[in-house]
Amino acid sequence: MTRALMTESALLQPDDVRIIRAMQIAPRASFAAIGTALGLTEGAVNRRYRRLRADGVVRVAGVVNPGALGQSRWLVRLRCRPGSVAAIADALAKRDDVNWVSLGAAGCEITCATQSRTQEQREDLLGRRLPRTAAVIDINAFAMLRQFLGGRGHYWSALEGTLSPQEEAALGSGEPPFTEAPVVTREPLRLTPEDERMLAALAADGRASLVDLATGAGLTPGRVARRLETLLQQRVVHLDVEIAAAALGYHARANLWLRVHPSAVKSAGRALAQEPGIAFAAAVSGPWNLHAVAHCRDLDELFEFTSDRIGSLAGLQSMEVSPMLKLVKKAGTRLVDDRLVQPSGG
């Protein structure tokens, strides 16, 4: 994918996209380090990043991995009565344990993910609150069994090629690379109250300084630096670089539900992870054993991509393409008119 294609939006300049890519690789790198790697001044990087953030194009946020705490993650599809879906989606998006909220199926379906920190929190949402809502006609929940792509380290490969290999190498990385792994770890970690306060500060701003994180956690900057490194290495938290894809010219998004032969689930999931048009891929329970999210420029490109690239996956038996009418929330950030809305205090 060429740089010219990636900068179709009138809002963004080539250097804006280069800075976004730099943030993907090293989310907490200083403006000076990014400027040195990209051949820009520290002030230019600072100004451009702050404008991109204020315009709702990009945001860095710390996202906790429930799997590291011994909890599973679930994908949920809700079928709702006409006229009720917006209010239900809004209520879900307000919850800290729900993310990736989108509307589809002519405005009658909500797809979201749960990231409950405790079993009680998950059971309250899936077992009590949603079933009691009269406007919800049907609920289907699928456990995430194996994540092939998504979160820290996947970089949304549509932006590959924006920087040279030398520029990317100069940025280094503040976190371990993404590797395919079970969604739930075998030895859950217990968070301290200081951890919780630091993670809350990271959720508000993934680029918060060590001094600010220390103030919020009630620790010294040195202790915060060491603890943050530990939590990153143990994958308790990752720094998600949230991007308003529409600002880069990607206006057609879709949830893909794939049924593949059981013997091909791993190979198909790994193949999906290599596709630039795929932003997330995971093996799930239920009749559809793979779920993915596609980002394309328009519906025609979505058709070509799903029929030619996804349709040719070895072992594929059937596929449902469910275009998103509206993305309400990403990993930790609400959207309005396809732009990220900074949380209060973030």
Protein backbone atom coordinates (compact mmCIF):
# COMPACT_ATOMS: atom_id res chain seq x y z
CA MET A 1 0.00 0.00 0.00
CA THR A 2 1.54 3.28 -1.08
CA ARG A 3 1.87 6.44 0.94
CA ALA A 4 -0.28 8.29 -1.62
CA LEU A 5 -3.19 5.94 -0.94
CA MET A 6 -2.85 6.34 2.80
CA THR A 7 -3.07 10.11 2.71
CA GLU A 8 -6.22 10.58 0.63
CA SER A 9 -7.91 12.41 3.48
CA ALA A 10 -7.66 16.18 3.22
CA LEU A 11 -7.23 16.29 6.96
CA LEU A 12 -3.91 14.47 7.07
CA GLN A 13 -0.51 15.26 5.63
CA PRO A 14 2.16 12.61 4.91
CA ASP A 15 4.08 13.54 8.08
CA ASP A 16 0.89 13.09 10.13
CA VAL A 17 0.60 9.47 8.96
CA ARG A 18 4.31 8.90 9.61
CA ILE A 19 3.85 10.11 13.19
CA ILE A 20 0.83 7.81 13.64
CA ARG A 21 2.93 4.89 12.43
CA ALA A 22 5.73 5.89 14.80
CA MET A 23 3.25 5.86 17.68
CA GLN A 24 2.15 2.35 16.70
CA ILE A 25 5.72 1.12 16.96
CA ALA A 26 6.72 3.01 20.11
CA PRO A 27 3.62 4.46 21.81
CA ARG A 28 5.52 6.12 24.68
CA ALA A 29 8.54 7.34 22.71
CA SER A 30 9.36 10.98 23.39
CA PHE A 31 8.63 13.61 20.76
CA ALA A 32 12.38 14.16 20.52
CA ALA A 33 13.02 10.47 19.80
CA ILE A 34 10.27 10.35 17.18
CA GLY A 35 11.58 13.53 15.60
CA THR A 36 15.11 12.13 15.41
CA ALA A 37 13.89 8.89 13.81
CA LEU A 38 11.68 10.68 11.25
CA GLY A 39 13.92 13.64 10.49
CA LEU A 40 11.51 16.15 12.05
CA THR A 41 11.97 18.61 14.87
CA GLU A 42 10.69 17.80 18.34
CA GLY A 43 8.38 20.82 18.17
CA ALA A 44 6.89 19.72 14.84
CA VAL A 45 6.12 16.24 16.18
CA ASN A 46 4.61 17.74 19.34
CA ARG A 47 2.35 20.12 17.40
CA ARG A 48 1.21 17.55 14.88
CA TYR A 49 0.47 14.88 17.50
CA ARG A 50 -1.51 17.27 19.67
CA ARG A 51 -3.54 18.41 16.66
CA LEU A 52 -4.21 14.81 15.61
CA ARG A 53 -5.29 14.01 19.16
CA ALA A 54 -7.50 17.10 19.43
CA ASP A 55 -9.08 16.30 16.03
CA GLY A 56 -9.95 12.79 17.20
CA VAL A 57 -7.65 11.03 14.73
CA VAL A 58 -5.38 9.20 17.17
CA ARG A 59 -5.24 8.38 20.86
CA VAL A 60 -2.88 6.26 22.96
CA ALA A 61 -4.57 4.40 25.82
CA GLY A 62 -3.51 1.69 28.24
CA VAL A 63 -5.81 -1.34 27.94
CA VAL A 64 -5.83 -4.11 30.56
CA ASN A 65 -5.81 -7.71 29.34
CA PRO A 66 -8.39 -9.68 31.36
CA GLY A 67 -6.67 -12.91 30.33
CA ALA A 68 -3.62 -12.01 32.42
CA LEU A 69 -5.97 -11.71 35.40
CA GLY A 70 -7.48 -15.14 34.82
CA GLN A 71 -10.66 -14.01 33.08
CA SER A 72 -11.94 -14.91 29.62
CA ARG A 73 -13.00 -12.47 26.92
CA TRP A 74 -16.25 -12.74 25.02
CA LEU A 75 -17.74 -11.42 21.80
CA VAL A 76 -21.45 -10.63 22.00
CA ARG A 77 -24.05 -10.18 19.25
CA LEU A 78 -27.35 -8.61 20.27
CA ARG A 79 -30.44 -8.48 18.07
CA CYS A 80 -32.63 -5.58 19.17
CA ARG A 81 -36.04 -4.15 18.44
CA PRO A 82 -36.07 -1.33 15.87
CA GLY A 83 -35.62 2.07 17.46
CA SER A 84 -33.89 0.77 20.58
CA VAL A 85 -30.43 -0.06 19.33
CA ALA A 86 -28.85 3.39 19.75
CA ALA A 87 -29.79 3.65 23.42
CA ILE A 88 -28.57 0.12 24.18
CA ALA A 89 -25.30 0.68 22.33
CA ASP A 90 -24.75 3.92 24.21
CA ALA A 91 -25.38 2.23 27.56
CA LEU A 92 -22.94 -0.56 26.69
CA ALA A 93 -20.28 1.90 25.53
CA LYS A 94 -20.41 3.67 28.89
CA ARG A 95 -19.33 0.49 30.67
CA ASP A 96 -15.63 0.02 31.38
CA ASP A 97 -15.98 -3.73 30.82
CA VAL A 98 -17.35 -3.39 27.27
CA ASN A 99 -15.49 -2.26 24.16
CA TRP A 100 -15.57 -2.45 20.37
CA VAL A 101 -19.25 -1.54 20.24
CA SER A 102 -20.65 -1.36 16.70
CA LEU A 103 -24.04 -1.21 15.01
CA GLY A 104 -24.96 -3.35 12.01
CA ALA A 105 -27.74 -5.28 10.28
CA ALA A 106 -29.75 -2.21 9.26
CA GLY A 107 -29.47 -0.79 12.75
CA CYS A 108 -30.95 -3.79 14.55
CA GLU A 109 -27.76 -5.54 15.67
CA ILE A 110 -25.05 -4.64 18.17
CA THR A 111 -21.68 -6.38 18.27
CA CYS A 112 -19.37 -5.78 21.22
CA ALA A 113 -16.62 -7.38 23.27
CA THR A 114 -16.52 -7.84 27.01
CA GLN A 115 -13.37 -7.36 29.03
CA SER A 116 -14.72 -8.13 32.48
CA ARG A 117 -12.12 -8.08 35.22
CA THR A 118 -14.03 -10.58 37.41
CA GLN A 119 -16.37 -13.49 36.84
CA GLU A 120 -19.07 -11.67 38.82
CA GLN A 121 -18.83 -8.63 36.55
CA ARG A 122 -19.19 -10.79 33.42
CA GLU A 123 -22.11 -12.78 34.82
CA ASP A 124 -23.86 -9.58 35.85
CA LEU A 125 -23.66 -8.25 32.28
CA LEU A 126 -24.34 -11.41 30.27
CA GLY A 127 -26.52 -13.30 32.71
CA ARG A 128 -28.66 -10.60 34.27
CA ARG A 129 -28.57 -7.10 32.82
CA LEU A 130 -28.82 -7.78 29.09
CA PRO A 131 -31.43 -10.57 29.29
CA ARG A 132 -33.69 -8.29 31.36
CA THR A 133 -33.70 -5.59 28.69
CA ALA A 134 -37.03 -5.94 26.89
CA ALA A 135 -35.64 -4.33 23.72
CA VAL A 136 -33.08 -7.16 23.33
CA ILE A 137 -34.62 -9.92 21.24
CA ASP A 138 -31.70 -12.31 21.10
CA ILE A 139 -28.23 -12.67 22.64
CA ASN A 140 -25.35 -14.76 21.36
CA ALA A 141 -22.05 -14.80 23.25
CA PHE A 142 -18.86 -16.39 21.95
CA ALA A 143 -15.77 -17.05 24.04
CA MET A 144 -12.52 -15.87 22.51
CA LEU A 145 -10.30 -18.96 22.39
CA ARG A 146 -7.18 -17.74 20.62
CA GLN A 147 -6.23 -14.26 19.41
CA PHE A 148 -4.30 -14.13 16.13
CA LEU A 149 -4.27 -10.38 15.61
CA GLY A 150 -5.26 -7.32 17.61
CA GLY A 151 -4.06 -5.12 20.41
CA ARG A 152 -0.47 -4.12 20.94
CA GLY A 153 2.01 -5.40 18.37
CA HIS A 154 -0.18 -5.90 15.33
CA TYR A 155 0.28 -2.26 14.27
CA TRP A 156 -2.69 -2.53 11.86
CA SER A 157 -0.49 -3.54 8.95
CA ALA A 158 -2.34 -1.30 6.50
CA LEU A 159 0.21 1.34 7.58
CA GLU A 160 3.22 -0.80 6.78
CA GLY A 161 5.55 0.96 4.36
CA THR A 162 4.82 4.41 5.76
CA LEU A 163 8.29 4.44 7.36
CA SER A 164 11.51 2.94 6.07
CA PRO A 165 12.97 -0.10 7.86
CA GLN A 166 15.71 2.20 9.15
CA GLU A 167 13.19 4.65 10.61
CA GLU A 168 11.25 1.85 12.28
CA ALA A 169 14.44 0.35 13.70
CA ALA A 170 15.45 3.75 15.12
CA LEU A 171 12.20 3.90 17.09
CA GLY A 172 12.71 0.57 18.82
CA SER A 173 9.76 -0.61 20.88
CA GLY A 174 8.63 -0.16 24.45
CA GLU A 175 6.72 -3.45 24.59
CA PRO A 176 7.25 -7.09 23.58
CA PRO A 177 6.02 -7.90 20.06
CA PHE A 178 2.60 -9.46 19.61
CA THR A 179 2.68 -13.24 19.54
CA GLU A 180 -0.22 -15.60 19.10
CA ALA A 181 -1.21 -16.79 22.54
CA PRO A 182 -4.14 -18.19 24.53
CA VAL A 183 -6.59 -15.51 25.62
CA VAL A 184 -6.36 -16.62 29.26
CA THR A 185 -3.02 -17.08 30.98
CA ARG A 186 -2.42 -20.09 33.19
CA GLU A 187 -1.12 -18.15 36.19
CA PRO A 188 -3.28 -15.06 36.81
CA LEU A 189 -1.55 -11.99 38.22
CA ARG A 190 -2.96 -10.10 41.18
CA LEU A 191 -2.92 -6.33 40.90
CA THR A 192 -2.09 -4.09 43.84
CA PRO A 193 -4.03 -0.89 44.62
CA GLU A 194 -1.02 1.04 43.28
CA ASP A 195 -1.21 -0.99 40.04
CA GLU A 196 -4.89 -0.18 39.69
CA ARG A 197 -4.29 3.57 40.09
CA MET A 198 -1.44 3.52 37.59
CA LEU A 199 -3.50 1.56 35.07
CA ALA A 200 -6.36 4.03 35.47
CA ALA A 201 -3.98 6.86 34.63
CA LEU A 202 -2.70 4.95 31.59
CA ALA A 203 -6.26 4.35 30.43
CA ALA A 204 -6.82 8.10 30.44
CA ASP A 205 -3.55 8.79 28.61
CA GLY A 206 -1.19 6.06 27.49
CA ARG A 207 1.57 8.65 27.03
CA ALA A 208 1.27 10.10 30.55
CA SER A 209 4.69 10.89 31.99
CA LEU A 210 6.28 8.76 34.70
CA VAL A 211 5.89 11.72 37.06
CA ASP A 212 2.14 11.88 36.39
CA LEU A 213 1.79 8.10 36.71
CA ALA A 214 3.73 8.18 39.98
CA THR A 215 1.53 10.95 41.34
CA GLY A 216 -1.61 8.99 40.48
CA ALA A 217 -0.30 5.71 41.87
CA GLY A 218 1.28 7.16 44.99
CA LEU A 219 4.72 5.79 44.10
CA THR A 220 8.06 7.21 43.06
CA PRO A 221 8.78 7.62 39.32
CA GLY A 222 11.47 4.95 39.57
CA ARG A 223 9.13 2.39 41.09
CA VAL A 224 6.44 3.25 38.54
CA ALA A 225 8.91 2.77 35.67
CA ARG A 226 9.93 -0.67 36.95
CA ARG A 227 6.36 -1.78 37.64
CA LEU A 228 5.10 -0.56 34.27
CA GLU A 229 7.87 -2.49 32.53
CA THR A 230 6.85 -5.62 34.44
CA LEU A 231 3.15 -5.24 33.58
CA LEU A 232 3.98 -4.67 29.91
CA GLN A 233 6.29 -7.68 29.75
CA GLN A 234 3.70 -9.89 31.44
CA ARG A 235 1.04 -8.55 29.03
CA VAL A 236 -1.20 -7.35 31.83
CA VAL A 237 -1.59 -4.10 29.93
CA HIS A 238 -0.82 -3.00 26.39
CA LEU A 239 -0.70 0.47 24.91
CA ASP A 240 -3.39 0.62 22.25
CA VAL A 241 -2.90 3.24 19.53
CA GLU A 242 -6.48 3.95 18.55
CA ILE A 243 -6.91 5.43 15.08
CA ALA A 244 -9.99 6.93 13.45
CA ALA A 245 -9.76 4.81 10.31
CA ALA A 246 -12.09 7.12 8.38
CA ALA A 247 -9.50 9.89 8.65
CA LEU A 248 -7.15 7.67 6.65
CA GLY A 249 -9.78 7.01 4.00
CA TYR A 250 -11.18 3.70 5.31
CA HIS A 251 -14.96 4.14 5.29
CA ALA A 252 -16.18 0.53 4.98
CA ARG A 253 -15.82 -1.67 8.06
CA ALA A 254 -17.29 -5.09 8.61
CA ASN A 255 -17.46 -7.92 11.10
CA LEU A 256 -16.56 -11.18 9.40
CA TRP A 257 -17.89 -14.44 10.83
CA LEU A 258 -16.15 -17.45 9.30
CA ARG A 259 -16.80 -21.15 9.55
CA VAL A 260 -13.74 -23.17 8.60
CA HIS A 261 -12.91 -26.84 8.93
CA PRO A 262 -11.71 -27.52 12.50
CA SER A 263 -8.32 -28.68 11.22
CA ALA A 264 -7.84 -25.34 9.41
CA VAL A 265 -8.74 -22.92 12.22
CA LYS A 266 -5.13 -22.17 13.20
CA SER A 267 -3.83 -21.83 9.63
CA ALA A 268 -6.79 -19.67 8.58
CA GLY A 269 -6.43 -17.46 11.65
CA ARG A 270 -2.74 -16.97 10.96
CA ALA A 271 -3.48 -16.19 7.31
CA LEU A 272 -6.03 -13.57 8.35
CA ALA A 273 -3.40 -11.97 10.59
CA GLN A 274 -1.21 -11.34 7.53
CA GLU A 275 -3.88 -9.46 5.59
CA PRO A 276 -3.49 -5.63 5.62
CA GLY A 277 -7.27 -5.28 5.44
CA ILE A 278 -7.76 -7.18 8.71
CA ALA A 279 -7.50 -5.29 12.00
CA PHE A 280 -8.50 -8.10 14.36
CA ALA A 281 -8.77 -11.89 14.16
CA ALA A 282 -9.57 -14.54 16.77
CA ALA A 283 -10.80 -18.09 17.10
CA VAL A 284 -14.15 -18.18 18.93
CA SER A 285 -16.62 -20.69 20.27
CA GLY A 286 -19.96 -21.31 18.60
CA PRO A 287 -21.07 -22.03 15.02
CA TRP A 288 -18.64 -19.45 13.58
CA ASN A 289 -15.19 -20.54 14.68
CA LEU A 290 -13.28 -17.46 13.45
CA HIS A 291 -14.14 -13.79 13.84
CA ALA A 292 -12.36 -10.91 12.10
CA VAL A 293 -12.77 -7.19 11.54
CA ALA A 294 -12.05 -5.77 8.10
CA HIS A 295 -11.26 -2.15 7.16
CA CYS A 296 -11.68 -1.17 3.51
CA ARG A 297 -12.03 2.11 1.62
CA ASP A 298 -15.54 1.44 0.30
CA LEU A 299 -18.04 -1.37 -0.11
CA ASP A 300 -16.70 -2.34 -3.52
CA GLU A 301 -13.23 -2.85 -2.02
CA LEU A 302 -14.85 -4.81 0.81
CA PHE A 303 -16.53 -7.06 -1.76
CA GLU A 304 -13.29 -7.63 -3.64
CA PHE A 305 -11.37 -8.27 -0.43
CA THR A 306 -13.84 -10.74 1.06
CA SER A 307 -14.48 -12.63 -2.18
CA ASP A 308 -10.90 -12.79 -3.48
CA ARG A 309 -8.69 -12.77 -0.38
CA ILE A 310 -10.87 -14.16 2.40
CA GLY A 311 -12.95 -16.38 0.13
CA SER A 312 -9.83 -18.25 -0.98
CA LEU A 313 -8.75 -19.26 2.54
CA ALA A 314 -8.01 -22.96 2.74
CA GLY A 315 -10.67 -24.78 4.72
CA LEU A 316 -13.29 -22.01 4.50
CA GLN A 317 -16.80 -23.45 4.49
CA SER A 318 -18.98 -20.34 4.84
CA MET A 319 -18.72 -16.67 5.71
CA GLU A 320 -21.05 -13.91 6.91
CA VAL A 321 -20.07 -10.33 6.08
CA SER A 322 -21.81 -7.88 8.44
CA PRO A 323 -20.99 -4.25 7.51
CA MET A 324 -20.79 -1.83 10.43
CA LEU A 325 -23.21 1.04 10.12
CA LYS A 326 -21.53 2.83 13.00
CA LEU A 327 -18.60 2.27 15.33
CA VAL A 328 -19.59 3.53 18.77
CA LYS A 329 -16.53 2.59 20.81
CA LYS A 330 -13.06 1.22 20.16
CA ALA A 331 -10.81 -0.44 22.76
CA GLY A 332 -11.27 2.35 25.28
CA THR A 333 -12.55 5.39 23.43
CA ARG A 334 -15.98 6.55 22.27
CA LEU A 335 -16.46 7.84 18.72
CA VAL A 336 -18.71 10.58 17.39
CA ASP A 337 -18.95 11.10 13.63
CA ASP A 338 -16.05 8.67 13.16
CA ARG A 339 -13.73 10.69 15.40
CA LEU A 340 -12.30 9.66 18.76
CA VAL A 341 -13.68 11.55 21.73
CA GLN A 342 -11.13 12.22 24.45
CA PRO A 343 -12.48 11.14 27.85
CA SER A 344 -12.77 13.84 30.49
CA GLY A 345 -9.42 14.16 32.17
CA GLY A 346 -7.72 12.32 29.27
